[in-house]
Amino acid sequence: MIERILPPAVVVEECFSDPAGLRPHPDEEPAVADAVPKRRQEFTTVRHCARRALARLGVPPAAILPGVRGAPGWPAGVVGSMTHCDGYRGAALARAGAVGSLGVDAEPHAPLPEGVLDAVARPAERARTAALRAARPEVCWDRLLFSAKESVYKAWFPLTGRFLDFAEADIAVDADGTFTARLLVPGPRVGGTELTAFDGRFLVDRGLVLTAVTVPAPGA
């Protein structure tokens, strides 16, 4: 589904359940050797999706090891992002010459637990979320905002190698299926230009909230 909110240069592979018999790549095994079964399944299936996407890009299968802050280590010349939640695992990959950075996130389409919105959203974001909820109560806008923040972070981190706090980007969601994250800290430089905002898209379907941020490569 998530390919509907990503540009054609991005290759997507998804699973809505964990295929039987999957095992981690041997080099990935230490990362989940002590993990509980649920975590091990998520880790294994989402990397299965990623290797299928690599094959579609013409890149040989490779171990995808978690690095700093869990960010996946992609083969040279590839950018990408992975996500998983109950009922969904997905990987989105592209050639580095076509896309500068990617961030995708999937969440269950359900309200956030009590207190989470206050912890992750700025006052202006909470006000906009309340207005959207009043106009379109069938959408869990608080969960969508949380997912958008996750996608923004996943696109930000490969460009900067730095943590981005929830409060360091102000996200405005539009009911038309788009959102803009205005950075409140100095942004990364892409092609000699400092980014001051990230643009994203979202989709609500099949009990899921999906968000995606794509940063174009310089000259793409």
N, C-alpha and C. Protein backbone atom coordinates (compact mmCIF):
# COMPACT_ATOMS: atom_id res chain seq x y z
N MET A 1 0.81 -1.22 0.00
CA MET A 1 0.00 0.00 0.00
C MET A 1 0.84 1.27 0.00
N ILE A 2 1.98 1.20 0.70
CA ILE A 2 2.70 2.45 0.94
C ILE A 2 3.29 3.05 -0.33
N GLU A 3 3.38 2.23 -1.41
CA GLU A 3 3.87 2.80 -2.67
C GLU A 3 2.95 3.90 -3.19
N ARG A 4 1.69 3.93 -2.72
CA ARG A 4 0.74 4.96 -3.15
C ARG A 4 1.14 6.34 -2.68
N ILE A 5 2.00 6.43 -1.67
CA ILE A 5 2.40 7.74 -1.15
C ILE A 5 3.91 7.97 -1.32
N LEU A 6 4.52 7.21 -2.24
CA LEU A 6 5.94 7.36 -2.53
C LEU A 6 6.13 7.58 -4.02
N PRO A 7 7.21 8.24 -4.42
CA PRO A 7 7.44 8.50 -5.84
C PRO A 7 7.86 7.22 -6.58
N PRO A 8 7.76 7.22 -7.92
CA PRO A 8 8.07 6.02 -8.71
C PRO A 8 9.49 5.51 -8.54
N ALA A 9 10.43 6.38 -8.17
CA ALA A 9 11.82 5.94 -8.01
C ALA A 9 12.02 5.03 -6.81
N VAL A 10 11.04 4.96 -5.93
CA VAL A 10 11.14 4.15 -4.71
C VAL A 10 10.52 2.78 -4.93
N VAL A 11 11.25 1.75 -4.57
CA VAL A 11 10.78 0.37 -4.66
C VAL A 11 10.26 -0.06 -3.30
N VAL A 12 9.09 -0.67 -3.26
CA VAL A 12 8.45 -1.06 -2.01
C VAL A 12 8.18 -2.55 -2.00
N GLU A 13 8.42 -3.19 -0.86
CA GLU A 13 8.00 -4.56 -0.61
C GLU A 13 7.33 -4.60 0.76
N GLU A 14 6.20 -5.30 0.84
CA GLU A 14 5.39 -5.32 2.07
C GLU A 14 4.96 -6.74 2.40
N CYS A 15 4.69 -7.00 3.67
CA CYS A 15 4.05 -8.22 4.14
C CYS A 15 3.01 -7.84 5.19
N PHE A 16 1.90 -8.56 5.17
CA PHE A 16 0.85 -8.31 6.15
C PHE A 16 0.77 -9.41 7.20
N SER A 17 1.69 -10.37 7.11
CA SER A 17 1.88 -11.40 8.12
C SER A 17 3.31 -11.90 7.98
N ASP A 18 3.73 -12.75 8.91
CA ASP A 18 5.10 -13.26 8.89
C ASP A 18 5.13 -14.60 8.16
N PRO A 19 5.79 -14.66 6.98
CA PRO A 19 5.87 -15.94 6.27
C PRO A 19 6.53 -17.02 7.13
N ALA A 20 5.98 -18.23 7.03
CA ALA A 20 6.52 -19.34 7.82
C ALA A 20 7.94 -19.68 7.36
N GLY A 21 8.76 -20.04 8.33
CA GLY A 21 10.09 -20.55 8.02
C GLY A 21 11.16 -19.52 7.77
N LEU A 22 10.83 -18.24 7.86
CA LEU A 22 11.86 -17.22 7.64
C LEU A 22 12.87 -17.22 8.78
N ARG A 23 14.14 -17.03 8.41
CA ARG A 23 15.20 -16.90 9.40
C ARG A 23 16.03 -15.66 9.08
N PRO A 24 16.61 -15.03 10.09
CA PRO A 24 17.48 -13.88 9.80
C PRO A 24 18.68 -14.29 8.96
N HIS A 25 19.23 -13.34 8.23
CA HIS A 25 20.52 -13.53 7.59
C HIS A 25 21.52 -13.94 8.68
N PRO A 26 22.44 -14.85 8.39
CA PRO A 26 23.38 -15.28 9.44
C PRO A 26 24.09 -14.13 10.15
N ASP A 27 24.44 -13.09 9.42
CA ASP A 27 25.14 -11.96 10.04
C ASP A 27 24.21 -11.12 10.91
N GLU A 28 22.90 -11.28 10.73
CA GLU A 28 21.92 -10.54 11.54
C GLU A 28 21.55 -11.28 12.82
N GLU A 29 21.83 -12.57 12.84
CA GLU A 29 21.39 -13.41 13.96
C GLU A 29 21.80 -12.87 15.33
N PRO A 30 23.04 -12.37 15.50
CA PRO A 30 23.40 -11.86 16.84
C PRO A 30 22.52 -10.71 17.32
N ALA A 31 21.97 -9.94 16.39
CA ALA A 31 21.16 -8.77 16.78
C ALA A 31 19.85 -9.19 17.43
N VAL A 32 19.38 -10.42 17.15
CA VAL A 32 18.10 -10.87 17.71
C VAL A 32 18.23 -12.19 18.46
N ALA A 33 19.45 -12.56 18.79
CA ALA A 33 19.67 -13.84 19.45
C ALA A 33 18.89 -13.95 20.76
N ASP A 34 18.76 -12.85 21.47
CA ASP A 34 18.07 -12.87 22.76
C ASP A 34 16.70 -12.20 22.71
N ALA A 35 16.21 -11.92 21.50
CA ALA A 35 14.94 -11.20 21.37
C ALA A 35 13.76 -12.13 21.64
N VAL A 36 12.66 -11.54 22.11
CA VAL A 36 11.42 -12.31 22.27
C VAL A 36 10.90 -12.68 20.88
N PRO A 37 10.07 -13.74 20.76
CA PRO A 37 9.62 -14.19 19.44
C PRO A 37 8.98 -13.10 18.59
N LYS A 38 8.17 -12.23 19.18
CA LYS A 38 7.50 -11.18 18.40
C LYS A 38 8.53 -10.25 17.77
N ARG A 39 9.50 -9.81 18.56
CA ARG A 39 10.54 -8.92 18.05
C ARG A 39 11.36 -9.61 16.96
N ARG A 40 11.66 -10.89 17.16
CA ARG A 40 12.44 -11.64 16.19
C ARG A 40 11.69 -11.75 14.86
N GLN A 41 10.38 -12.01 14.92
CA GLN A 41 9.58 -12.11 13.70
C GLN A 41 9.54 -10.79 12.96
N GLU A 42 9.30 -9.69 13.68
CA GLU A 42 9.26 -8.38 13.03
C GLU A 42 10.59 -8.08 12.35
N PHE A 43 11.66 -8.28 13.07
CA PHE A 43 13.01 -8.00 12.57
C PHE A 43 13.28 -8.82 11.30
N THR A 44 12.93 -10.10 11.35
CA THR A 44 13.23 -11.00 10.23
C THR A 44 12.39 -10.69 9.01
N THR A 45 11.08 -10.49 9.22
CA THR A 45 10.19 -10.27 8.08
C THR A 45 10.47 -8.95 7.40
N VAL A 46 10.72 -7.89 8.16
CA VAL A 46 10.93 -6.60 7.52
C VAL A 46 12.24 -6.61 6.73
N ARG A 47 13.20 -7.35 7.18
CA ARG A 47 14.46 -7.46 6.40
C ARG A 47 14.29 -8.40 5.20
N HIS A 48 13.41 -9.36 5.30
CA HIS A 48 13.03 -10.15 4.13
C HIS A 48 12.44 -9.23 3.06
N CYS A 49 11.55 -8.32 3.48
CA CYS A 49 10.99 -7.34 2.54
C CYS A 49 12.10 -6.48 1.94
N ALA A 50 13.03 -6.05 2.78
CA ALA A 50 14.10 -5.17 2.29
C ALA A 50 14.98 -5.89 1.27
N ARG A 51 15.28 -7.17 1.50
CA ARG A 51 16.11 -7.88 0.53
C ARG A 51 15.37 -8.12 -0.78
N ARG A 52 14.07 -8.31 -0.73
CA ARG A 52 13.29 -8.40 -1.96
C ARG A 52 13.36 -7.07 -2.72
N ALA A 53 13.31 -5.96 -1.98
CA ALA A 53 13.42 -4.65 -2.63
C ALA A 53 14.82 -4.44 -3.21
N LEU A 54 15.84 -4.87 -2.49
CA LEU A 54 17.20 -4.77 -3.02
C LEU A 54 17.32 -5.53 -4.34
N ALA A 55 16.73 -6.72 -4.40
CA ALA A 55 16.79 -7.51 -5.63
C ALA A 55 16.15 -6.77 -6.79
N ARG A 56 15.06 -6.07 -6.52
CA ARG A 56 14.40 -5.31 -7.58
C ARG A 56 15.24 -4.13 -8.05
N LEU A 57 16.14 -3.67 -7.19
CA LEU A 57 17.08 -2.61 -7.57
C LEU A 57 18.34 -3.17 -8.23
N GLY A 58 18.42 -4.50 -8.30
CA GLY A 58 19.61 -5.12 -8.88
C GLY A 58 20.78 -5.20 -7.93
N VAL A 59 20.50 -5.15 -6.63
CA VAL A 59 21.55 -5.19 -5.61
C VAL A 59 21.53 -6.57 -4.95
N PRO A 60 22.68 -7.24 -4.82
CA PRO A 60 22.71 -8.57 -4.21
C PRO A 60 22.17 -8.55 -2.78
N PRO A 61 21.59 -9.66 -2.34
CA PRO A 61 21.11 -9.74 -0.95
C PRO A 61 22.24 -9.47 0.03
N ALA A 62 21.92 -8.79 1.10
CA ALA A 62 22.95 -8.44 2.08
C ALA A 62 22.34 -8.39 3.46
N ALA A 63 23.16 -8.58 4.47
CA ALA A 63 22.72 -8.37 5.85
C ALA A 63 22.40 -6.89 6.04
N ILE A 64 21.33 -6.64 6.77
CA ILE A 64 20.93 -5.26 7.06
C ILE A 64 21.01 -5.11 8.57
N LEU A 65 22.14 -4.62 9.03
CA LEU A 65 22.42 -4.59 10.45
C LEU A 65 21.98 -3.27 11.07
N PRO A 66 21.42 -3.32 12.27
CA PRO A 66 21.09 -2.07 12.96
C PRO A 66 22.34 -1.35 13.42
N GLY A 67 22.39 -0.05 13.14
CA GLY A 67 23.54 0.75 13.54
C GLY A 67 23.20 1.67 14.68
N VAL A 68 23.75 2.88 14.64
CA VAL A 68 23.49 3.87 15.69
C VAL A 68 22.00 4.17 15.75
N ARG A 69 21.45 4.12 16.96
CA ARG A 69 20.02 4.34 17.20
C ARG A 69 19.14 3.40 16.36
N GLY A 70 19.68 2.25 16.02
CA GLY A 70 18.90 1.25 15.30
C GLY A 70 18.73 1.49 13.83
N ALA A 71 19.35 2.56 13.30
CA ALA A 71 19.20 2.87 11.87
C ALA A 71 19.77 1.74 11.03
N PRO A 72 19.06 1.28 10.01
CA PRO A 72 19.56 0.18 9.20
C PRO A 72 20.75 0.58 8.35
N GLY A 73 21.70 -0.35 8.22
CA GLY A 73 22.86 -0.12 7.37
C GLY A 73 22.62 -0.65 5.98
N TRP A 74 22.48 0.24 5.00
CA TRP A 74 22.16 -0.16 3.64
C TRP A 74 23.43 -0.35 2.81
N PRO A 75 23.37 -1.18 1.77
CA PRO A 75 24.52 -1.28 0.86
C PRO A 75 24.84 0.08 0.25
N ALA A 76 26.08 0.25 -0.19
CA ALA A 76 26.51 1.50 -0.81
C ALA A 76 25.62 1.83 -2.00
N GLY A 77 25.24 3.10 -2.11
CA GLY A 77 24.43 3.54 -3.24
C GLY A 77 22.94 3.35 -3.06
N VAL A 78 22.52 2.91 -1.87
CA VAL A 78 21.10 2.66 -1.62
C VAL A 78 20.67 3.50 -0.42
N VAL A 79 19.48 4.09 -0.50
CA VAL A 79 18.84 4.72 0.66
C VAL A 79 17.54 3.98 0.91
N GLY A 80 17.09 4.00 2.16
CA GLY A 80 15.86 3.28 2.42
C GLY A 80 15.35 3.49 3.82
N SER A 81 14.21 2.86 4.09
CA SER A 81 13.58 2.95 5.39
C SER A 81 12.71 1.71 5.57
N MET A 82 12.62 1.24 6.80
CA MET A 82 11.78 0.08 7.12
C MET A 82 10.82 0.44 8.25
N THR A 83 9.71 -0.29 8.30
CA THR A 83 8.75 -0.07 9.37
C THR A 83 7.97 -1.35 9.62
N HIS A 84 7.50 -1.50 10.85
CA HIS A 84 6.64 -2.64 11.16
C HIS A 84 5.73 -2.29 12.32
N CYS A 85 4.54 -2.86 12.29
CA CYS A 85 3.60 -2.79 13.40
C CYS A 85 2.73 -4.03 13.28
N ASP A 86 1.78 -4.22 14.17
CA ASP A 86 0.90 -5.38 14.09
C ASP A 86 0.20 -5.39 12.74
N GLY A 87 0.39 -6.47 11.99
CA GLY A 87 -0.29 -6.62 10.71
C GLY A 87 0.39 -5.98 9.53
N TYR A 88 1.61 -5.48 9.71
CA TYR A 88 2.28 -4.82 8.59
C TYR A 88 3.78 -4.81 8.80
N ARG A 89 4.52 -5.13 7.74
CA ARG A 89 5.97 -4.94 7.65
C ARG A 89 6.25 -4.39 6.27
N GLY A 90 7.06 -3.38 6.18
CA GLY A 90 7.32 -2.79 4.87
C GLY A 90 8.71 -2.19 4.78
N ALA A 91 9.26 -2.22 3.57
CA ALA A 91 10.57 -1.63 3.29
C ALA A 91 10.46 -0.81 2.01
N ALA A 92 11.02 0.38 2.02
CA ALA A 92 11.03 1.27 0.87
C ALA A 92 12.48 1.64 0.58
N LEU A 93 12.95 1.38 -0.65
CA LEU A 93 14.34 1.59 -1.01
C LEU A 93 14.43 2.30 -2.35
N ALA A 94 15.55 3.00 -2.55
CA ALA A 94 15.79 3.69 -3.82
C ALA A 94 17.29 3.84 -4.03
N ARG A 95 17.65 4.10 -5.27
CA ARG A 95 19.04 4.43 -5.58
C ARG A 95 19.35 5.82 -5.02
N ALA A 96 20.56 5.97 -4.48
CA ALA A 96 20.93 7.24 -3.86
C ALA A 96 20.94 8.39 -4.86
N GLY A 97 21.16 8.12 -6.13
CA GLY A 97 21.15 9.19 -7.11
C GLY A 97 19.77 9.72 -7.41
N ALA A 98 18.73 8.96 -7.05
CA ALA A 98 17.36 9.38 -7.32
C ALA A 98 16.68 9.99 -6.10
N VAL A 99 17.06 9.52 -4.92
CA VAL A 99 16.44 9.97 -3.68
C VAL A 99 17.54 10.25 -2.66
N GLY A 100 17.42 11.37 -1.97
CA GLY A 100 18.42 11.74 -0.99
C GLY A 100 18.26 11.03 0.33
N SER A 101 17.01 10.86 0.77
CA SER A 101 16.73 10.17 2.03
C SER A 101 15.25 9.79 2.04
N LEU A 102 14.95 8.76 2.84
CA LEU A 102 13.58 8.25 2.93
C LEU A 102 13.21 8.01 4.38
N GLY A 103 11.95 8.20 4.69
CA GLY A 103 11.44 7.80 5.99
C GLY A 103 10.02 7.29 5.83
N VAL A 104 9.75 6.08 6.30
CA VAL A 104 8.39 5.54 6.25
C VAL A 104 8.02 5.01 7.62
N ASP A 105 6.73 5.06 7.92
CA ASP A 105 6.26 4.54 9.22
C ASP A 105 4.85 4.00 9.05
N ALA A 106 4.58 2.91 9.76
CA ALA A 106 3.25 2.32 9.81
C ALA A 106 2.82 2.20 11.27
N GLU A 107 1.56 2.50 11.52
CA GLU A 107 0.99 2.42 12.86
C GLU A 107 -0.42 1.84 12.76
N PRO A 108 -0.89 1.19 13.81
CA PRO A 108 -2.31 0.79 13.82
C PRO A 108 -3.19 2.03 13.84
N HIS A 109 -4.30 1.99 13.08
CA HIS A 109 -5.21 3.14 13.05
C HIS A 109 -6.08 3.10 14.30
N ALA A 110 -5.51 3.61 15.38
CA ALA A 110 -6.19 3.64 16.67
C ALA A 110 -5.66 4.84 17.44
N PRO A 111 -6.45 5.39 18.37
CA PRO A 111 -5.96 6.54 19.14
C PRO A 111 -4.68 6.20 19.90
N LEU A 112 -3.84 7.21 20.10
CA LEU A 112 -2.66 7.03 20.93
C LEU A 112 -3.07 6.74 22.38
N PRO A 113 -2.25 6.00 23.11
CA PRO A 113 -2.53 5.83 24.54
C PRO A 113 -2.58 7.18 25.26
N GLU A 114 -3.30 7.19 26.35
CA GLU A 114 -3.46 8.41 27.14
C GLU A 114 -2.11 9.01 27.50
N GLY A 115 -1.97 10.31 27.25
CA GLY A 115 -0.77 11.04 27.63
C GLY A 115 0.32 11.09 26.58
N VAL A 116 0.24 10.24 25.55
CA VAL A 116 1.32 10.21 24.56
C VAL A 116 1.31 11.47 23.70
N LEU A 117 0.13 11.92 23.28
CA LEU A 117 0.07 13.11 22.44
C LEU A 117 0.69 14.31 23.16
N ASP A 118 0.39 14.47 24.44
CA ASP A 118 0.97 15.59 25.19
C ASP A 118 2.49 15.48 25.26
N ALA A 119 3.01 14.25 25.25
CA ALA A 119 4.45 14.05 25.37
C ALA A 119 5.18 14.31 24.06
N VAL A 120 4.51 14.11 22.92
CA VAL A 120 5.23 14.18 21.63
C VAL A 120 4.87 15.39 20.79
N ALA A 121 3.77 16.09 21.12
CA ALA A 121 3.29 17.16 20.25
C ALA A 121 3.46 18.53 20.89
N ARG A 122 3.80 19.50 20.08
CA ARG A 122 3.87 20.88 20.51
C ARG A 122 2.45 21.43 20.68
N PRO A 123 2.27 22.52 21.45
CA PRO A 123 0.92 23.06 21.64
C PRO A 123 0.20 23.35 20.32
N ALA A 124 0.90 23.93 19.35
CA ALA A 124 0.26 24.24 18.07
C ALA A 124 -0.16 22.96 17.34
N GLU A 125 0.65 21.91 17.46
CA GLU A 125 0.29 20.64 16.83
C GLU A 125 -0.94 20.03 17.49
N ARG A 126 -1.02 20.14 18.80
CA ARG A 126 -2.20 19.61 19.50
C ARG A 126 -3.45 20.37 19.09
N ALA A 127 -3.32 21.69 18.93
CA ALA A 127 -4.48 22.49 18.51
C ALA A 127 -4.93 22.11 17.11
N ARG A 128 -3.98 21.93 16.20
CA ARG A 128 -4.35 21.53 14.84
C ARG A 128 -4.96 20.13 14.81
N THR A 129 -4.42 19.25 15.65
CA THR A 129 -4.97 17.89 15.72
C THR A 129 -6.41 17.92 16.22
N ALA A 130 -6.70 18.74 17.21
CA ALA A 130 -8.06 18.85 17.72
C ALA A 130 -9.02 19.38 16.65
N ALA A 131 -8.56 20.34 15.84
CA ALA A 131 -9.40 20.88 14.77
C ALA A 131 -9.68 19.83 13.71
N LEU A 132 -8.66 19.04 13.36
CA LEU A 132 -8.86 17.97 12.38
C LEU A 132 -9.82 16.92 12.93
N ARG A 133 -9.68 16.59 14.20
CA ARG A 133 -10.56 15.59 14.82
C ARG A 133 -12.00 16.06 14.79
N ALA A 134 -12.22 17.34 15.03
CA ALA A 134 -13.58 17.87 15.01
C ALA A 134 -14.19 17.82 13.61
N ALA A 135 -13.36 18.06 12.60
CA ALA A 135 -13.85 18.08 11.23
C ALA A 135 -13.98 16.69 10.63
N ARG A 136 -13.04 15.79 11.00
CA ARG A 136 -13.01 14.44 10.42
C ARG A 136 -12.79 13.43 11.55
N PRO A 137 -13.81 13.16 12.35
CA PRO A 137 -13.60 12.30 13.53
C PRO A 137 -13.32 10.84 13.20
N GLU A 138 -13.52 10.44 11.95
CA GLU A 138 -13.27 9.04 11.60
C GLU A 138 -11.78 8.71 11.48
N VAL A 139 -10.92 9.72 11.49
CA VAL A 139 -9.47 9.53 11.37
C VAL A 139 -8.82 9.76 12.74
N CYS A 140 -7.90 8.89 13.12
CA CYS A 140 -7.16 9.06 14.37
C CYS A 140 -5.98 10.00 14.11
N TRP A 141 -6.26 11.29 14.16
CA TRP A 141 -5.27 12.30 13.79
C TRP A 141 -4.09 12.33 14.75
N ASP A 142 -4.32 11.97 16.01
CA ASP A 142 -3.19 11.94 16.95
C ASP A 142 -2.19 10.86 16.55
N ARG A 143 -2.69 9.70 16.17
CA ARG A 143 -1.80 8.63 15.72
C ARG A 143 -1.09 9.02 14.42
N LEU A 144 -1.81 9.70 13.55
CA LEU A 144 -1.22 10.12 12.29
C LEU A 144 -0.08 11.11 12.53
N LEU A 145 -0.28 12.03 13.46
CA LEU A 145 0.79 12.99 13.78
C LEU A 145 2.01 12.26 14.33
N PHE A 146 1.78 11.29 15.21
CA PHE A 146 2.89 10.52 15.76
C PHE A 146 3.65 9.80 14.65
N SER A 147 2.92 9.18 13.72
CA SER A 147 3.55 8.47 12.61
C SER A 147 4.34 9.43 11.73
N ALA A 148 3.79 10.60 11.45
CA ALA A 148 4.50 11.58 10.65
C ALA A 148 5.82 11.98 11.32
N LYS A 149 5.81 12.13 12.64
CA LYS A 149 7.04 12.48 13.34
C LYS A 149 8.08 11.35 13.22
N GLU A 150 7.61 10.11 13.25
CA GLU A 150 8.53 8.99 13.08
C GLU A 150 9.14 9.00 11.67
N SER A 151 8.33 9.25 10.65
CA SER A 151 8.85 9.30 9.28
C SER A 151 9.84 10.44 9.10
N VAL A 152 9.55 11.58 9.68
CA VAL A 152 10.46 12.72 9.60
C VAL A 152 11.80 12.36 10.22
N TYR A 153 11.77 11.74 11.40
CA TYR A 153 13.03 11.37 12.05
C TYR A 153 13.83 10.39 11.20
N LYS A 154 13.14 9.41 10.61
CA LYS A 154 13.84 8.41 9.80
C LYS A 154 14.48 9.02 8.56
N ALA A 155 13.88 10.07 8.01
CA ALA A 155 14.49 10.77 6.87
C ALA A 155 15.61 11.70 7.33
N TRP A 156 15.47 12.27 8.51
CA TRP A 156 16.44 13.21 9.06
C TRP A 156 17.76 12.51 9.44
N PHE A 157 17.66 11.39 10.15
CA PHE A 157 18.85 10.82 10.79
C PHE A 157 19.95 10.43 9.79
N PRO A 158 19.64 9.79 8.65
CA PRO A 158 20.73 9.45 7.72
C PRO A 158 21.45 10.67 7.15
N LEU A 159 20.78 11.81 7.12
CA LEU A 159 21.38 13.03 6.58
C LEU A 159 22.24 13.77 7.60
N THR A 160 21.99 13.51 8.89
CA THR A 160 22.63 14.29 9.93
C THR A 160 23.44 13.46 10.92
N GLY A 161 23.00 12.20 11.15
CA GLY A 161 23.59 11.40 12.21
C GLY A 161 23.27 11.93 13.59
N ARG A 162 22.24 12.78 13.67
CA ARG A 162 21.89 13.39 14.95
C ARG A 162 20.45 13.05 15.33
N PHE A 163 20.21 13.00 16.63
CA PHE A 163 18.86 12.81 17.15
C PHE A 163 18.03 14.05 16.86
N LEU A 164 16.75 13.84 16.59
CA LEU A 164 15.79 14.95 16.42
C LEU A 164 14.67 14.72 17.41
N ASP A 165 14.54 15.62 18.35
CA ASP A 165 13.49 15.51 19.36
C ASP A 165 12.13 15.78 18.75
N PHE A 166 11.10 15.18 19.35
CA PHE A 166 9.74 15.41 18.86
C PHE A 166 9.42 16.90 18.78
N ALA A 167 9.94 17.69 19.73
CA ALA A 167 9.61 19.12 19.79
C ALA A 167 10.43 19.96 18.82
N GLU A 168 11.38 19.35 18.09
CA GLU A 168 12.27 20.12 17.22
C GLU A 168 11.77 20.23 15.79
N ALA A 169 10.58 19.73 15.54
CA ALA A 169 9.92 19.92 14.24
C ALA A 169 8.45 20.15 14.49
N ASP A 170 7.90 21.14 13.83
CA ASP A 170 6.48 21.46 13.96
C ASP A 170 5.77 20.94 12.70
N ILE A 171 4.87 19.97 12.89
CA ILE A 171 4.23 19.29 11.77
C ILE A 171 2.79 19.78 11.60
N ALA A 172 2.51 20.22 10.39
CA ALA A 172 1.15 20.63 10.03
C ALA A 172 0.60 19.59 9.06
N VAL A 173 -0.48 18.93 9.46
CA VAL A 173 -1.11 17.89 8.65
C VAL A 173 -2.29 18.50 7.91
N ASP A 174 -2.39 18.18 6.62
CA ASP A 174 -3.52 18.64 5.81
C ASP A 174 -4.40 17.44 5.51
N ALA A 175 -5.70 17.62 5.63
CA ALA A 175 -6.63 16.51 5.39
C ALA A 175 -6.58 15.99 3.96
N ASP A 176 -5.88 16.68 3.06
CA ASP A 176 -5.79 16.22 1.67
C ASP A 176 -4.80 15.07 1.49
N GLY A 177 -4.11 14.67 2.59
CA GLY A 177 -3.18 13.56 2.50
C GLY A 177 -1.73 13.95 2.53
N THR A 178 -1.43 15.19 2.89
CA THR A 178 -0.05 15.65 2.95
C THR A 178 0.26 16.24 4.32
N PHE A 179 1.54 16.41 4.61
CA PHE A 179 1.96 17.12 5.81
C PHE A 179 3.30 17.78 5.55
N THR A 180 3.59 18.82 6.32
CA THR A 180 4.86 19.54 6.24
C THR A 180 5.44 19.64 7.64
N ALA A 181 6.71 19.27 7.76
CA ALA A 181 7.42 19.37 9.03
C ALA A 181 8.41 20.52 8.96
N ARG A 182 8.12 21.59 9.66
CA ARG A 182 9.02 22.74 9.70
C ARG A 182 10.07 22.50 10.78
N LEU A 183 11.34 22.48 10.38
CA LEU A 183 12.42 22.23 11.33
C LEU A 183 12.65 23.45 12.21
N LEU A 184 12.79 23.22 13.51
CA LEU A 184 13.03 24.29 14.46
C LEU A 184 14.47 24.31 14.94
N VAL A 185 15.29 23.49 14.31
CA VAL A 185 16.74 23.46 14.54
C VAL A 185 17.41 23.52 13.18
N PRO A 186 18.71 23.83 13.12
CA PRO A 186 19.38 23.84 11.81
C PRO A 186 19.21 22.51 11.08
N GLY A 187 18.84 22.59 9.80
CA GLY A 187 18.58 21.38 9.03
C GLY A 187 19.81 20.87 8.31
N PRO A 188 19.71 19.66 7.76
CA PRO A 188 20.83 19.11 6.98
C PRO A 188 21.02 19.86 5.68
N ARG A 189 22.21 19.78 5.15
CA ARG A 189 22.49 20.38 3.85
C ARG A 189 22.46 19.29 2.79
N VAL A 190 21.67 19.53 1.76
CA VAL A 190 21.54 18.59 0.65
C VAL A 190 21.85 19.36 -0.62
N GLY A 191 22.92 18.97 -1.31
CA GLY A 191 23.32 19.69 -2.50
C GLY A 191 23.70 21.12 -2.25
N GLY A 192 24.25 21.40 -1.06
CA GLY A 192 24.68 22.76 -0.73
C GLY A 192 23.59 23.65 -0.19
N THR A 193 22.35 23.13 -0.10
CA THR A 193 21.23 23.92 0.40
C THR A 193 20.74 23.34 1.72
N GLU A 194 20.54 24.21 2.70
CA GLU A 194 20.03 23.75 3.99
C GLU A 194 18.52 23.49 3.89
N LEU A 195 18.12 22.31 4.31
CA LEU A 195 16.70 21.99 4.36
C LEU A 195 16.09 22.62 5.60
N THR A 196 14.98 23.30 5.41
CA THR A 196 14.28 23.89 6.55
C THR A 196 12.97 23.18 6.85
N ALA A 197 12.59 22.25 5.98
CA ALA A 197 11.33 21.53 6.18
C ALA A 197 11.39 20.21 5.42
N PHE A 198 10.58 19.27 5.86
CA PHE A 198 10.37 18.01 5.16
C PHE A 198 8.91 17.94 4.75
N ASP A 199 8.66 17.48 3.54
CA ASP A 199 7.30 17.28 3.06
C ASP A 199 6.98 15.79 3.05
N GLY A 200 5.75 15.46 3.42
CA GLY A 200 5.36 14.06 3.47
C GLY A 200 3.94 13.83 3.01
N ARG A 201 3.60 12.57 2.90
CA ARG A 201 2.25 12.16 2.51
C ARG A 201 1.79 11.07 3.46
N PHE A 202 0.47 10.90 3.54
CA PHE A 202 -0.07 9.85 4.42
C PHE A 202 -1.24 9.14 3.77
N LEU A 203 -1.52 7.97 4.34
CA LEU A 203 -2.60 7.12 3.85
C LEU A 203 -3.20 6.40 5.05
N VAL A 204 -4.53 6.33 5.08
CA VAL A 204 -5.23 5.55 6.10
C VAL A 204 -6.06 4.49 5.37
N ASP A 205 -5.72 3.23 5.60
CA ASP A 205 -6.39 2.15 4.88
C ASP A 205 -6.13 0.83 5.60
N ARG A 206 -7.06 -0.09 5.50
CA ARG A 206 -6.92 -1.44 6.04
C ARG A 206 -6.51 -1.46 7.51
N GLY A 207 -7.04 -0.51 8.28
CA GLY A 207 -6.75 -0.46 9.70
C GLY A 207 -5.36 0.05 10.05
N LEU A 208 -4.70 0.71 9.08
CA LEU A 208 -3.35 1.19 9.29
C LEU A 208 -3.24 2.68 8.97
N VAL A 209 -2.31 3.33 9.61
CA VAL A 209 -1.86 4.68 9.25
C VAL A 209 -0.46 4.54 8.67
N LEU A 210 -0.26 5.03 7.45
CA LEU A 210 1.04 4.97 6.79
C LEU A 210 1.49 6.37 6.45
N THR A 211 2.73 6.69 6.76
CA THR A 211 3.28 8.00 6.42
C THR A 211 4.62 7.82 5.72
N ALA A 212 4.97 8.79 4.89
CA ALA A 212 6.23 8.71 4.14
C ALA A 212 6.77 10.10 3.89
N VAL A 213 8.09 10.22 4.03
CA VAL A 213 8.82 11.44 3.71
C VAL A 213 9.90 11.08 2.69
N THR A 214 9.96 11.83 1.61
CA THR A 214 10.99 11.62 0.58
C THR A 214 11.75 12.92 0.39
N VAL A 215 13.07 12.84 0.55
CA VAL A 215 13.95 13.98 0.29
C VAL A 215 14.61 13.75 -1.07
N PRO A 216 14.36 14.59 -2.05
CA PRO A 216 14.97 14.38 -3.38
C PRO A 216 16.49 14.49 -3.31
N ALA A 217 17.16 13.72 -4.14
CA ALA A 217 18.60 13.85 -4.28
C ALA A 217 18.92 15.12 -5.05
N PRO A 218 20.06 15.75 -4.80
CA PRO A 218 20.42 16.93 -5.55
C PRO A 218 20.40 16.67 -7.05
N GLY A 219 19.70 17.50 -7.78
CA GLY A 219 19.62 17.38 -9.21
C GLY A 219 18.62 16.35 -9.72
N ALA A 220 17.99 15.58 -8.80
CA ALA A 220 17.03 14.55 -9.24
C ALA A 220 15.72 15.20 -9.64
